[in-house]
């Protein structure tokens, strides 16, 4: 069964996770802090998926707060 007007749904692709996260730098709270960190990190995988971003956090051994923020961000992104 098809919806009466499927064009009403946004079928655009989501940006890569790394890019999406950087764009969250305006948010308050831990996701905003993580986004600011990612934006300042020259090695951040901007076109990478969440797995690549987790890998980067592990490489540079960030504070535990940023790991918690990454979990939140990962959930937010996949809820889009």
Foldseek 3Di string as FASTA:
>chain_A
DDDPDPVVDDPDDDQALLQVLLVCCVDDDLSVVLNVVSVPDPPGPNRHHLVSRVVVCVVVVDDVSNVVSSVVSNVVVVVD
